[in-house]
N, C-alpha and C. Protein backbone atom coordinates (compact mmCIF):
# COMPACT_ATOMS: atom_id res chain seq x y z
N MET A 1 -191.21 -119.76 -12.23
CA MET A 1 -191.77 -119.78 -13.60
C MET A 1 -192.90 -119.03 -13.91
N GLU A 2 -193.86 -118.99 -13.14
CA GLU A 2 -194.82 -118.25 -13.43
C GLU A 2 -194.70 -116.77 -13.53
N THR A 3 -193.72 -116.17 -12.94
CA THR A 3 -193.34 -114.98 -12.91
C THR A 3 -192.69 -114.51 -14.32
N LEU A 4 -191.76 -115.51 -14.58
CA LEU A 4 -191.07 -115.24 -15.94
C LEU A 4 -192.15 -115.18 -17.10
N PHE A 5 -193.04 -116.11 -17.05
CA PHE A 5 -194.19 -116.26 -18.10
C PHE A 5 -195.03 -114.76 -18.07
N THR A 6 -195.28 -114.35 -17.04
CA THR A 6 -195.97 -113.25 -16.79
C THR A 6 -195.41 -112.07 -17.42
N TYR A 7 -193.99 -111.94 -17.11
CA TYR A 7 -193.19 -110.77 -17.58
C TYR A 7 -193.05 -110.91 -19.06
N CYS A 8 -192.85 -112.19 -19.61
CA CYS A 8 -192.71 -112.34 -20.96
C CYS A 8 -194.00 -112.01 -21.89
N ALA A 9 -195.00 -112.27 -21.19
CA ALA A 9 -196.38 -111.98 -21.96
C ALA A 9 -196.53 -110.56 -21.83
N ILE A 10 -196.40 -109.91 -20.72
CA ILE A 10 -196.59 -108.43 -20.56
C ILE A 10 -195.66 -107.60 -21.48
N ILE A 11 -194.47 -107.68 -21.26
CA ILE A 11 -193.25 -106.91 -22.13
C ILE A 11 -193.46 -107.26 -23.46
N GLY A 12 -193.59 -108.53 -23.98
CA GLY A 12 -193.97 -108.83 -25.26
C GLY A 12 -195.18 -108.11 -25.81
N GLY A 13 -196.23 -108.26 -24.92
CA GLY A 13 -197.46 -107.75 -25.60
C GLY A 13 -197.36 -106.12 -25.81
N ILE A 14 -196.74 -105.48 -24.75
CA ILE A 14 -196.48 -104.10 -24.76
C ILE A 14 -195.65 -103.74 -26.20
N LEU A 15 -194.68 -104.46 -26.27
CA LEU A 15 -193.97 -104.09 -27.46
C LEU A 15 -194.64 -104.29 -28.68
N PHE A 16 -195.42 -105.56 -28.71
CA PHE A 16 -196.00 -105.75 -29.95
C PHE A 16 -197.18 -104.65 -30.17
N VAL A 17 -197.83 -104.17 -29.24
CA VAL A 17 -198.99 -103.28 -29.53
C VAL A 17 -198.15 -101.89 -29.87
N GLY A 18 -196.92 -101.60 -29.26
CA GLY A 18 -196.27 -100.53 -29.58
C GLY A 18 -195.83 -100.45 -31.08
N GLN A 19 -195.30 -101.60 -31.61
CA GLN A 19 -195.17 -101.81 -33.00
C GLN A 19 -196.24 -101.39 -33.92
N LEU A 20 -197.40 -102.03 -33.64
CA LEU A 20 -198.72 -101.75 -34.32
C LEU A 20 -198.91 -100.34 -34.37
N VAL A 21 -199.00 -99.53 -33.29
CA VAL A 21 -199.26 -98.15 -33.15
C VAL A 21 -198.20 -97.53 -34.13
N LEU A 22 -196.99 -97.88 -34.05
CA LEU A 22 -195.97 -97.09 -34.77
C LEU A 22 -196.27 -97.26 -36.50
N VAL A 23 -196.64 -98.57 -36.50
CA VAL A 23 -196.98 -98.73 -38.07
C VAL A 23 -198.09 -97.80 -38.62
N PHE A 24 -199.14 -97.84 -37.73
CA PHE A 24 -200.51 -97.15 -38.09
C PHE A 24 -200.21 -95.66 -38.11
N ILE A 25 -199.32 -95.07 -37.51
CA ILE A 25 -198.99 -93.59 -37.51
C ILE A 25 -197.85 -93.30 -38.60
N GLY A 26 -197.14 -94.30 -39.28
CA GLY A 26 -196.42 -94.10 -40.27
C GLY A 26 -194.99 -94.14 -40.01
N ILE A 27 -194.64 -94.64 -38.90
CA ILE A 27 -193.18 -94.52 -38.64
C ILE A 27 -192.63 -95.89 -38.06
N GLY A 28 -193.45 -96.77 -38.45
CA GLY A 28 -193.14 -98.26 -37.73
C GLY A 28 -192.38 -98.85 -38.61
N GLY A 29 -191.91 -100.21 -38.28
CA GLY A 29 -190.96 -100.99 -39.05
C GLY A 29 -189.77 -101.19 -38.17
N ASP A 30 -189.30 -102.42 -38.49
CA ASP A 30 -188.36 -102.98 -37.39
C ASP A 30 -187.13 -103.13 -38.56
N HIS A 31 -185.95 -103.25 -37.75
CA HIS A 31 -184.90 -103.39 -38.35
C HIS A 31 -183.93 -104.36 -37.60
N CYS A 32 -183.26 -105.29 -38.28
CA CYS A 32 -182.50 -106.35 -37.82
C CYS A 32 -181.51 -106.81 -38.89
N ASP A 33 -180.31 -106.23 -38.55
CA ASP A 33 -179.11 -106.74 -39.42
C ASP A 33 -178.37 -107.93 -38.79
N ILE A 34 -178.31 -108.89 -39.57
CA ILE A 34 -177.53 -110.18 -38.86
C ILE A 34 -176.48 -110.58 -39.72
N ASP A 35 -175.25 -110.69 -39.41
CA ASP A 35 -174.15 -111.11 -40.32
C ASP A 35 -173.47 -112.53 -39.67
N THR A 36 -173.42 -113.62 -40.55
CA THR A 36 -173.03 -114.82 -39.94
C THR A 36 -172.12 -115.49 -41.26
N PRO A 37 -171.19 -116.17 -41.01
CA PRO A 37 -170.41 -116.97 -42.14
C PRO A 37 -171.19 -117.38 -43.41
N ASP A 38 -172.44 -117.86 -42.97
CA ASP A 38 -173.36 -118.39 -44.12
C ASP A 38 -174.25 -117.65 -44.38
N ALA A 39 -174.83 -116.53 -44.00
CA ALA A 39 -175.76 -115.65 -44.38
C ALA A 39 -175.58 -114.11 -44.00
N ASP A 40 -176.04 -113.30 -44.90
CA ASP A 40 -175.99 -111.91 -44.76
C ASP A 40 -177.54 -111.29 -44.80
N VAL A 41 -178.13 -110.99 -43.77
CA VAL A 41 -179.44 -110.74 -43.92
C VAL A 41 -179.71 -109.39 -43.29
N ASP A 42 -180.44 -108.56 -44.14
CA ASP A 42 -180.82 -107.19 -43.67
C ASP A 42 -182.31 -107.09 -43.76
N PHE A 43 -182.95 -107.09 -42.49
CA PHE A 43 -184.52 -106.69 -42.50
C PHE A 43 -184.69 -105.43 -42.24
N ASP A 44 -185.46 -104.71 -43.09
CA ASP A 44 -185.93 -103.35 -42.82
C ASP A 44 -187.45 -103.32 -43.03
N GLY A 45 -188.19 -103.17 -42.04
CA GLY A 45 -189.62 -103.10 -42.04
C GLY A 45 -190.31 -102.38 -43.19
N SER A 46 -189.47 -101.37 -43.75
CA SER A 46 -190.23 -100.58 -44.58
C SER A 46 -189.51 -100.64 -46.01
N GLU A 47 -188.39 -101.23 -46.11
CA GLU A 47 -187.70 -100.83 -47.48
C GLU A 47 -187.00 -102.16 -47.93
N HIS A 48 -186.23 -102.91 -47.36
CA HIS A 48 -185.31 -103.74 -48.01
C HIS A 48 -185.15 -105.12 -47.37
N LEU A 49 -184.93 -106.07 -48.12
CA LEU A 49 -184.36 -107.40 -47.71
C LEU A 49 -183.33 -107.78 -48.45
N ASP A 50 -182.23 -108.27 -47.92
CA ASP A 50 -181.07 -108.84 -48.60
C ASP A 50 -180.73 -110.22 -48.15
N ILE A 51 -180.81 -111.42 -48.65
CA ILE A 51 -180.51 -112.69 -48.10
C ILE A 51 -179.60 -113.34 -49.11
N SER A 52 -178.42 -113.85 -48.37
CA SER A 52 -177.47 -114.63 -49.21
C SER A 52 -176.80 -115.55 -48.15
N GLY A 53 -176.69 -116.82 -48.91
CA GLY A 53 -175.85 -117.89 -48.02
C GLY A 53 -176.61 -119.37 -48.01
N GLU A 54 -175.87 -120.13 -47.43
CA GLU A 54 -176.29 -121.50 -47.40
C GLU A 54 -176.32 -122.12 -46.15
N GLY A 55 -176.54 -123.35 -46.14
CA GLY A 55 -176.34 -124.06 -44.72
C GLY A 55 -177.46 -123.62 -43.72
N ASP A 56 -177.12 -123.19 -42.55
CA ASP A 56 -178.06 -122.82 -41.32
C ASP A 56 -178.55 -121.26 -41.92
N GLY A 57 -178.36 -120.64 -42.81
CA GLY A 57 -178.74 -119.22 -43.05
C GLY A 57 -180.18 -119.21 -43.03
N TRP A 58 -181.06 -120.18 -43.24
CA TRP A 58 -182.46 -120.14 -43.19
C TRP A 58 -182.82 -119.60 -41.85
N PHE A 59 -182.07 -119.92 -40.71
CA PHE A 59 -182.75 -119.72 -39.28
C PHE A 59 -182.61 -118.01 -39.16
N VAL A 60 -181.36 -117.55 -39.49
CA VAL A 60 -181.36 -116.24 -39.38
C VAL A 60 -182.00 -115.28 -40.23
N GLY A 61 -182.38 -116.11 -41.24
CA GLY A 61 -183.32 -115.26 -42.22
C GLY A 61 -184.85 -115.11 -41.85
N ILE A 62 -185.25 -115.77 -40.73
CA ILE A 62 -186.40 -115.59 -40.01
C ILE A 62 -186.48 -114.50 -39.13
N LEU A 63 -185.29 -114.07 -38.39
CA LEU A 63 -185.20 -113.41 -37.33
C LEU A 63 -185.45 -112.09 -37.77
N SER A 64 -186.35 -111.23 -36.93
CA SER A 64 -186.63 -109.81 -36.92
C SER A 64 -187.25 -109.46 -35.56
N LEU A 65 -187.23 -108.03 -35.45
CA LEU A 65 -187.70 -107.64 -34.27
C LEU A 65 -189.24 -108.13 -34.08
N ARG A 66 -190.01 -108.15 -35.12
CA ARG A 66 -191.55 -108.39 -35.10
C ARG A 66 -191.61 -109.94 -34.51
N SER A 67 -190.84 -110.82 -35.14
CA SER A 67 -191.01 -112.20 -34.78
C SER A 67 -190.34 -112.45 -33.51
N ILE A 68 -189.37 -111.79 -32.92
CA ILE A 68 -188.76 -112.19 -31.53
C ILE A 68 -189.82 -111.80 -30.61
N VAL A 69 -190.29 -110.49 -30.83
CA VAL A 69 -191.41 -110.07 -29.88
C VAL A 69 -192.71 -110.94 -29.84
N ALA A 70 -193.13 -111.31 -31.14
CA ALA A 70 -194.17 -112.36 -31.03
C ALA A 70 -193.91 -113.52 -30.38
N ALA A 71 -192.79 -114.08 -30.64
CA ALA A 71 -192.42 -115.28 -29.97
C ALA A 71 -192.31 -115.16 -28.33
N MET A 72 -191.85 -114.15 -27.86
CA MET A 72 -191.72 -113.83 -26.53
C MET A 72 -193.26 -113.70 -25.88
N THR A 73 -194.06 -113.12 -26.58
CA THR A 73 -195.41 -112.83 -26.27
C THR A 73 -196.36 -114.29 -26.05
N VAL A 74 -196.02 -115.12 -27.22
CA VAL A 74 -196.78 -116.27 -27.14
C VAL A 74 -196.14 -117.32 -26.09
N PHE A 75 -194.71 -117.16 -25.97
CA PHE A 75 -193.95 -118.12 -24.88
C PHE A 75 -194.63 -117.75 -23.40
N GLY A 76 -194.92 -116.50 -23.13
CA GLY A 76 -195.50 -116.09 -21.84
C GLY A 76 -196.82 -116.66 -21.73
N LEU A 77 -197.76 -116.50 -22.74
CA LEU A 77 -198.87 -116.60 -22.83
C LEU A 77 -199.17 -118.27 -22.69
N ALA A 78 -198.45 -118.84 -23.51
CA ALA A 78 -198.68 -120.51 -23.47
C ALA A 78 -198.13 -121.16 -22.11
N GLY A 79 -197.13 -120.54 -21.51
CA GLY A 79 -196.65 -120.91 -20.40
C GLY A 79 -197.73 -120.74 -19.22
N LYS A 80 -198.39 -119.52 -19.22
CA LYS A 80 -199.37 -119.22 -18.21
C LYS A 80 -200.62 -120.07 -18.41
N GLY A 81 -200.88 -120.51 -19.64
CA GLY A 81 -201.88 -121.20 -19.92
C GLY A 81 -201.66 -122.65 -19.61
N ALA A 82 -200.57 -122.98 -19.75
CA ALA A 82 -200.32 -124.43 -19.38
C ALA A 82 -200.18 -124.53 -17.85
N LEU A 83 -199.79 -123.58 -17.19
CA LEU A 83 -199.79 -123.62 -15.64
C LEU A 83 -201.27 -123.77 -15.14
N LEU A 84 -202.03 -123.00 -15.74
CA LEU A 84 -203.48 -122.79 -15.29
C LEU A 84 -204.02 -124.30 -15.62
N LYS A 85 -203.54 -124.87 -16.74
CA LYS A 85 -204.22 -126.36 -16.92
C LYS A 85 -203.70 -127.26 -16.18
N GLY A 86 -202.69 -127.12 -15.19
CA GLY A 86 -202.04 -128.02 -14.37
C GLY A 86 -200.94 -128.88 -14.78
N PHE A 87 -200.39 -128.55 -15.79
CA PHE A 87 -199.22 -129.36 -16.49
C PHE A 87 -198.00 -129.02 -15.36
N SER A 88 -197.25 -130.08 -15.50
CA SER A 88 -196.00 -129.96 -14.56
C SER A 88 -195.14 -128.66 -15.08
N GLU A 89 -193.95 -128.47 -14.49
CA GLU A 89 -193.24 -127.35 -14.81
C GLU A 89 -192.41 -127.76 -16.01
N GLN A 90 -191.89 -129.08 -16.04
CA GLN A 90 -191.33 -129.52 -17.50
C GLN A 90 -192.14 -129.45 -18.38
N GLN A 91 -193.48 -129.81 -18.36
CA GLN A 91 -194.36 -130.02 -19.46
C GLN A 91 -194.57 -128.50 -19.90
N THR A 92 -194.79 -127.61 -18.97
CA THR A 92 -195.05 -126.17 -19.33
C THR A 92 -194.00 -125.51 -20.10
N ILE A 93 -192.59 -125.76 -19.59
CA ILE A 93 -191.58 -125.24 -20.19
C ILE A 93 -191.55 -125.69 -21.74
N LEU A 94 -191.75 -126.94 -21.89
CA LEU A 94 -191.64 -127.51 -23.26
C LEU A 94 -192.91 -126.84 -24.06
N ILE A 95 -193.96 -126.86 -23.40
CA ILE A 95 -195.07 -126.16 -24.29
C ILE A 95 -194.95 -124.87 -24.77
N ALA A 96 -194.37 -123.98 -23.72
CA ALA A 96 -194.06 -122.75 -24.06
C ALA A 96 -192.96 -122.49 -24.98
N PHE A 97 -192.00 -123.29 -24.85
CA PHE A 97 -190.93 -123.27 -25.93
C PHE A 97 -191.37 -123.45 -27.20
N VAL A 98 -191.95 -124.68 -27.42
CA VAL A 98 -192.63 -124.99 -28.76
C VAL A 98 -193.43 -123.98 -29.36
N ALA A 99 -194.44 -123.41 -28.57
CA ALA A 99 -195.23 -122.42 -29.05
C ALA A 99 -194.54 -121.06 -29.43
N GLY A 100 -193.55 -120.73 -28.74
CA GLY A 100 -192.79 -119.49 -29.01
C GLY A 100 -191.99 -119.73 -30.24
N ALA A 101 -191.36 -121.08 -30.25
CA ALA A 101 -190.55 -121.26 -31.63
C ALA A 101 -191.44 -121.30 -32.72
N ALA A 102 -192.58 -121.87 -32.59
CA ALA A 102 -193.40 -121.77 -34.06
C ALA A 102 -193.91 -120.64 -34.46
N VAL A 103 -194.15 -119.78 -33.36
CA VAL A 103 -194.48 -118.24 -33.77
C VAL A 103 -193.18 -117.55 -34.51
N LEU A 104 -192.11 -117.81 -33.69
CA LEU A 104 -190.98 -117.06 -34.30
C LEU A 104 -190.69 -117.42 -35.71
N TYR A 105 -190.88 -118.76 -35.96
CA TYR A 105 -190.70 -119.09 -37.39
C TYR A 105 -191.67 -118.61 -38.38
N LEU A 106 -192.90 -118.84 -37.91
CA LEU A 106 -194.24 -118.46 -38.75
C LEU A 106 -194.22 -116.90 -39.12
N VAL A 107 -193.99 -116.18 -38.01
CA VAL A 107 -193.99 -114.69 -38.24
C VAL A 107 -192.81 -114.31 -39.06
N GLY A 108 -191.66 -114.74 -38.66
CA GLY A 108 -190.31 -114.47 -39.55
C GLY A 108 -190.42 -114.81 -40.94
N TRP A 109 -191.05 -116.07 -41.19
CA TRP A 109 -191.23 -116.55 -42.37
C TRP A 109 -192.12 -115.61 -43.35
N VAL A 110 -193.16 -115.30 -42.67
CA VAL A 110 -193.98 -114.41 -43.40
C VAL A 110 -193.64 -113.38 -43.85
N PHE A 111 -193.03 -112.72 -42.90
CA PHE A 111 -192.39 -111.23 -43.35
C PHE A 111 -191.17 -111.32 -44.40
N LYS A 112 -190.53 -112.58 -44.17
CA LYS A 112 -189.53 -112.59 -45.19
C LYS A 112 -189.91 -112.79 -46.50
N GLU A 113 -190.97 -113.62 -46.66
CA GLU A 113 -191.49 -113.73 -48.07
C GLU A 113 -192.27 -112.57 -48.57
N LEU A 114 -192.74 -111.81 -47.70
CA LEU A 114 -193.47 -110.33 -48.03
C LEU A 114 -192.28 -109.50 -48.59
N TYR A 115 -191.24 -109.44 -47.94
CA TYR A 115 -190.01 -108.57 -48.14
C TYR A 115 -189.48 -108.99 -49.44
N LYS A 116 -189.53 -110.35 -49.80
CA LYS A 116 -188.94 -110.96 -51.02
C LYS A 116 -189.91 -110.46 -52.27
N ILE A 117 -191.23 -110.54 -52.07
CA ILE A 117 -192.00 -110.28 -52.97
C ILE A 117 -191.80 -108.53 -53.46
N ARG A 118 -191.67 -107.86 -52.28
CA ARG A 118 -191.46 -106.39 -52.52
C ARG A 118 -190.24 -106.20 -53.27
N SER A 119 -189.10 -106.92 -52.80
CA SER A 119 -187.74 -106.68 -53.34
C SER A 119 -187.91 -106.85 -54.75
N ASP A 120 -188.71 -108.02 -55.15
CA ASP A 120 -188.58 -108.68 -56.50
C ASP A 120 -189.12 -107.49 -57.47
N GLY A 121 -190.20 -106.92 -56.68
CA GLY A 121 -190.78 -105.88 -57.53
C GLY A 121 -190.35 -104.59 -57.67
N THR A 122 -189.33 -104.32 -57.08
CA THR A 122 -188.64 -103.03 -56.94
C THR A 122 -187.32 -102.75 -57.91
N VAL A 123 -187.40 -102.00 -58.69
CA VAL A 123 -186.18 -101.57 -59.57
C VAL A 123 -185.25 -100.99 -58.79
N LYS A 124 -184.03 -101.65 -58.78
CA LYS A 124 -182.64 -101.14 -58.24
C LYS A 124 -182.25 -100.00 -59.04
N ILE A 125 -181.96 -99.00 -58.37
CA ILE A 125 -181.54 -97.70 -59.20
C ILE A 125 -180.12 -97.95 -59.93
N GLN A 126 -179.44 -98.95 -59.43
CA GLN A 126 -178.10 -99.30 -60.11
C GLN A 126 -178.28 -99.92 -61.31
N SER A 127 -179.61 -100.39 -61.67
CA SER A 127 -179.84 -101.01 -62.87
C SER A 127 -180.11 -100.00 -63.99
N THR A 128 -180.34 -98.75 -63.59
CA THR A 128 -180.49 -97.61 -64.51
C THR A 128 -179.28 -97.31 -65.32
N ILE A 129 -178.29 -97.58 -64.95
CA ILE A 129 -176.84 -97.01 -65.60
C ILE A 129 -176.91 -97.60 -67.04
N GLY A 130 -176.73 -96.78 -67.71
CA GLY A 130 -176.82 -97.07 -69.33
C GLY A 130 -178.20 -96.95 -70.02
N CYS A 131 -179.27 -96.96 -69.13
CA CYS A 131 -180.50 -96.77 -69.52
C CYS A 131 -180.73 -95.35 -70.07
N ARG A 132 -181.80 -95.39 -71.13
CA ARG A 132 -182.29 -94.09 -71.83
C ARG A 132 -183.53 -93.64 -71.11
N GLY A 133 -183.73 -92.28 -71.36
CA GLY A 133 -184.83 -91.76 -70.69
C GLY A 133 -185.11 -90.46 -71.34
N LYS A 134 -185.92 -89.80 -70.76
CA LYS A 134 -186.31 -88.20 -71.14
C LYS A 134 -186.23 -87.23 -69.90
N VAL A 135 -185.90 -86.19 -70.06
CA VAL A 135 -185.82 -85.10 -69.13
C VAL A 135 -187.42 -84.72 -68.89
N TYR A 136 -187.82 -84.97 -67.63
CA TYR A 136 -189.04 -84.40 -67.26
C TYR A 136 -189.21 -82.91 -66.64
N LEU A 137 -187.98 -82.85 -65.99
CA LEU A 137 -188.00 -81.36 -65.29
C LEU A 137 -186.74 -80.81 -65.71
N THR A 138 -186.53 -79.72 -66.36
CA THR A 138 -185.28 -79.10 -66.66
C THR A 138 -184.15 -79.39 -65.68
N ILE A 139 -183.06 -79.83 -66.21
CA ILE A 139 -181.72 -80.08 -65.40
C ILE A 139 -180.53 -79.07 -65.53
N PRO A 140 -180.40 -78.26 -64.56
CA PRO A 140 -179.41 -77.08 -64.86
C PRO A 140 -178.12 -77.63 -65.18
N ALA A 141 -177.16 -76.84 -65.75
CA ALA A 141 -175.91 -77.33 -66.30
C ALA A 141 -174.98 -77.35 -65.10
N GLY A 142 -173.66 -78.12 -65.23
CA GLY A 142 -172.74 -78.06 -64.22
C GLY A 142 -173.13 -78.56 -62.75
N LYS A 143 -174.24 -79.44 -62.73
CA LYS A 143 -174.69 -79.93 -61.42
C LYS A 143 -174.89 -78.79 -60.38
N LYS A 144 -175.63 -77.85 -60.79
CA LYS A 144 -175.90 -76.66 -59.96
C LYS A 144 -177.14 -77.00 -59.16
N SER A 145 -178.00 -77.98 -59.65
CA SER A 145 -179.31 -78.21 -59.01
C SER A 145 -179.82 -79.47 -59.80
N ALA A 146 -180.82 -80.12 -59.17
CA ALA A 146 -181.38 -81.25 -59.69
C ALA A 146 -182.68 -80.97 -60.41
N GLY A 147 -182.63 -81.77 -61.61
CA GLY A 147 -184.01 -81.74 -62.19
C GLY A 147 -184.85 -83.17 -62.01
N LYS A 148 -185.60 -83.59 -62.93
CA LYS A 148 -186.08 -84.86 -62.91
C LYS A 148 -186.13 -85.62 -64.42
N VAL A 149 -185.86 -87.02 -64.37
CA VAL A 149 -186.09 -87.57 -65.71
C VAL A 149 -186.91 -88.77 -65.52
N THR A 150 -187.27 -89.22 -66.48
CA THR A 150 -188.21 -90.64 -66.63
C THR A 150 -187.29 -91.64 -67.33
N ILE A 151 -187.12 -92.74 -66.63
CA ILE A 151 -186.13 -93.59 -67.21
C ILE A 151 -186.78 -95.00 -67.60
N SER A 152 -186.58 -95.56 -68.87
CA SER A 152 -187.12 -96.91 -68.87
C SER A 152 -186.23 -97.94 -68.60
N VAL A 153 -186.51 -98.79 -67.62
CA VAL A 153 -185.66 -99.75 -67.05
C VAL A 153 -186.41 -101.07 -66.67
N ALA A 154 -186.02 -102.24 -67.09
CA ALA A 154 -186.84 -103.55 -66.54
C ALA A 154 -188.09 -103.39 -67.05
N GLU A 155 -188.41 -102.87 -68.17
CA GLU A 155 -189.83 -102.85 -68.88
C GLU A 155 -190.88 -102.00 -67.90
N ARG A 156 -190.30 -100.94 -67.22
CA ARG A 156 -190.85 -100.13 -66.32
C ARG A 156 -190.35 -98.71 -66.76
N THR A 157 -191.25 -97.60 -66.38
CA THR A 157 -190.91 -96.25 -66.49
C THR A 157 -190.69 -95.64 -65.07
N MET A 158 -189.49 -95.24 -64.78
CA MET A 158 -189.40 -94.75 -63.45
C MET A 158 -188.92 -93.38 -63.51
N GLU A 159 -189.32 -92.57 -62.32
CA GLU A 159 -188.92 -91.08 -62.33
C GLU A 159 -187.71 -91.04 -61.31
N TYR A 160 -186.78 -90.29 -61.61
CA TYR A 160 -185.59 -89.97 -60.69
C TYR A 160 -185.37 -88.51 -60.51
N LEU A 161 -184.67 -88.11 -59.52
CA LEU A 161 -183.93 -86.90 -59.60
C LEU A 161 -182.80 -86.99 -60.53
N ALA A 162 -182.24 -86.01 -61.05
CA ALA A 162 -181.11 -86.03 -62.02
C ALA A 162 -180.41 -84.74 -61.98
N MET A 163 -179.05 -84.91 -62.11
CA MET A 163 -178.01 -83.80 -62.25
C MET A 163 -177.37 -84.21 -63.47
N THR A 164 -176.62 -83.15 -64.05
CA THR A 164 -175.75 -83.38 -65.19
C THR A 164 -174.53 -82.46 -65.09
N ASN A 165 -173.40 -82.96 -65.61
CA ASN A 165 -172.10 -82.23 -65.53
C ASN A 165 -171.92 -81.53 -66.78
N GLY A 166 -172.77 -81.87 -67.48
CA GLY A 166 -172.46 -81.04 -68.97
C GLY A 166 -173.57 -79.89 -69.26
N GLU A 167 -174.09 -79.46 -70.35
CA GLU A 167 -174.82 -78.40 -70.36
C GLU A 167 -176.26 -78.70 -69.94
N GLU A 168 -177.01 -77.43 -69.97
CA GLU A 168 -178.41 -77.59 -69.49
C GLU A 168 -179.21 -78.72 -70.40
N LEU A 169 -180.00 -79.54 -69.77
CA LEU A 169 -180.95 -80.34 -70.41
C LEU A 169 -182.15 -79.97 -70.08
N THR A 170 -182.92 -79.51 -71.20
CA THR A 170 -184.33 -78.99 -71.04
C THR A 170 -185.40 -80.29 -71.20
N LYS A 171 -186.67 -80.02 -70.94
CA LYS A 171 -187.69 -80.98 -70.74
C LYS A 171 -187.78 -81.69 -72.29
N GLY A 172 -187.96 -82.85 -72.15
CA GLY A 172 -188.12 -83.49 -73.51
C GLY A 172 -186.76 -84.23 -74.01
N MET A 173 -185.68 -83.67 -73.55
CA MET A 173 -184.47 -84.14 -74.21
C MET A 173 -184.22 -85.47 -73.89
N PRO A 174 -183.63 -86.09 -74.86
CA PRO A 174 -183.37 -87.65 -74.58
C PRO A 174 -181.95 -87.77 -73.91
N VAL A 175 -181.86 -88.59 -72.69
CA VAL A 175 -180.71 -88.55 -71.87
C VAL A 175 -180.29 -90.10 -71.67
N VAL A 176 -179.22 -90.18 -71.20
CA VAL A 176 -178.67 -91.53 -70.93
C VAL A 176 -178.11 -91.56 -69.44
N VAL A 177 -178.41 -92.51 -68.65
CA VAL A 177 -177.88 -92.34 -67.01
C VAL A 177 -176.42 -92.89 -67.09
N VAL A 178 -175.53 -92.21 -66.58
CA VAL A 178 -174.12 -92.53 -66.60
C VAL A 178 -173.58 -92.82 -65.15
N SER A 179 -174.31 -92.52 -64.14
CA SER A 179 -173.99 -93.03 -62.87
C SER A 179 -175.00 -92.73 -61.74
N VAL A 180 -174.77 -93.08 -60.52
CA VAL A 180 -175.80 -92.88 -59.50
C VAL A 180 -175.21 -92.32 -58.62
N LEU A 181 -175.88 -91.00 -58.25
CA LEU A 181 -175.31 -90.12 -57.14
C LEU A 181 -175.89 -90.17 -55.97
N ALA A 182 -177.12 -90.86 -55.69
CA ALA A 182 -177.78 -91.10 -54.49
C ALA A 182 -178.91 -91.95 -54.61
N PRO A 183 -179.50 -92.60 -53.53
CA PRO A 183 -180.52 -93.75 -53.73
C PRO A 183 -181.82 -93.22 -54.65
N ASP A 184 -181.84 -91.79 -54.73
CA ASP A 184 -183.09 -91.26 -55.46
C ASP A 184 -182.55 -90.58 -56.57
N MET A 185 -181.24 -90.38 -56.83
CA MET A 185 -180.59 -89.63 -57.84
C MET A 185 -179.75 -90.04 -58.68
N VAL A 186 -179.81 -89.77 -60.02
CA VAL A 186 -178.69 -90.19 -61.00
C VAL A 186 -178.05 -89.10 -61.64
N GLU A 187 -177.03 -89.38 -62.28
CA GLU A 187 -176.22 -88.41 -63.16
C GLU A 187 -176.58 -88.85 -64.59
N VAL A 188 -176.82 -87.82 -65.34
CA VAL A 188 -177.23 -88.17 -66.82
C VAL A 188 -176.55 -87.35 -67.75
N GLU A 189 -176.45 -87.55 -68.91
CA GLU A 189 -176.06 -86.55 -70.00
C GLU A 189 -176.91 -86.77 -71.23
N GLY A 190 -176.73 -85.89 -72.06
CA GLY A 190 -177.76 -85.84 -73.31
C GLY A 190 -177.38 -87.16 -74.20
N ALA A 191 -178.23 -87.92 -74.57
CA ALA A 191 -178.29 -88.96 -75.48
C ALA A 191 -177.40 -88.58 -76.71
N ASN A 192 -177.59 -87.48 -77.36
CA ASN A 192 -176.82 -86.98 -78.48
C ASN A 192 -175.54 -86.83 -78.19
N ASN A 193 -175.21 -86.21 -77.17
CA ASN A 193 -173.65 -86.11 -76.71
C ASN A 193 -173.00 -87.30 -76.52
N GLN A 194 -173.56 -88.43 -76.15
CA GLN A 194 -172.96 -89.68 -75.92
C GLN A 194 -172.68 -90.37 -77.29
N THR A 195 -173.78 -90.20 -78.14
CA THR A 195 -173.59 -90.81 -79.58
C THR A 195 -172.38 -90.11 -80.17
N GLU A 196 -172.21 -88.60 -80.10
CA GLU A 196 -170.95 -88.01 -80.64
C GLU A 196 -169.79 -88.35 -80.11
N ARG A 197 -169.91 -88.72 -78.75
CA ARG A 197 -168.45 -89.15 -78.18
C ARG A 197 -168.11 -90.64 -78.69
N PHE A 198 -168.96 -91.41 -78.78
CA PHE A 198 -168.92 -92.59 -79.34
C PHE A 198 -168.43 -92.70 -80.78
N ILE A 199 -168.71 -91.72 -81.66
CA ILE A 199 -168.48 -91.60 -83.12
C ILE A 199 -167.10 -91.14 -83.19
N SER A 200 -166.78 -89.96 -82.16
CA SER A 200 -165.50 -89.50 -82.07
C SER A 200 -164.34 -90.48 -81.59
N SER A 201 -164.71 -91.32 -80.77
CA SER A 201 -163.81 -92.23 -80.20
C SER A 201 -163.55 -93.50 -81.22
N SER A 202 -164.57 -93.84 -81.96
CA SER A 202 -164.38 -94.69 -83.14
C SER A 202 -163.51 -94.35 -84.17
N SER A 203 -163.54 -92.85 -84.54
CA SER A 203 -162.78 -92.42 -85.58
C SER A 203 -161.26 -92.27 -85.18
N ILE A 204 -161.12 -92.01 -83.93
CA ILE A 204 -159.73 -91.99 -83.38
C ILE A 204 -159.13 -93.41 -83.41
N GLU A 205 -159.96 -94.32 -83.04
CA GLU A 205 -159.36 -95.84 -83.04
C GLU A 205 -159.09 -96.15 -84.58
N GLN A 206 -159.88 -95.83 -85.53
CA GLN A 206 -159.51 -96.08 -86.92
C GLN A 206 -158.41 -95.46 -87.45
């Protein structure tokens, strides 16, 4: 058992330090996707958390690479410490398991809550559809290339890359988002064009 605890402590410690180094140099973050009948969890250390489900979904919700590595490290350290204190093999396994499980839950819960806070404060680009804004950087006609727009959504002003299928939209022109083209790009059209289209369709119906 001592060998098992030693390997867990060493391997877990190396992985934990490696994660910290990657985070400090800007390419860190863990990713753990878990699908179960009761939950759909997507952990991304830098971007995203999506949790849905009931029942035992709370358990998979705390799983991430960070929490598993931390649990393995503490499992090894607690086991080694218990052996040095003279506990029996059964007691040592119990102590190591409880310590590892506690850290698994604690670390997973902390990061889950942090990702929830970040997710709640992030405006999803899909919610911009139908919102109005202004051209910040001229948008060429016919989707030739992208410009930029500022969009008012969820009481915040967001900036996105933008393309249009219509005529060129110059800086300061009012626009409306009609679709999402990419995670950071929307398709827009002139707000005046959309108003004219609405008036035309209303006239036809009458």
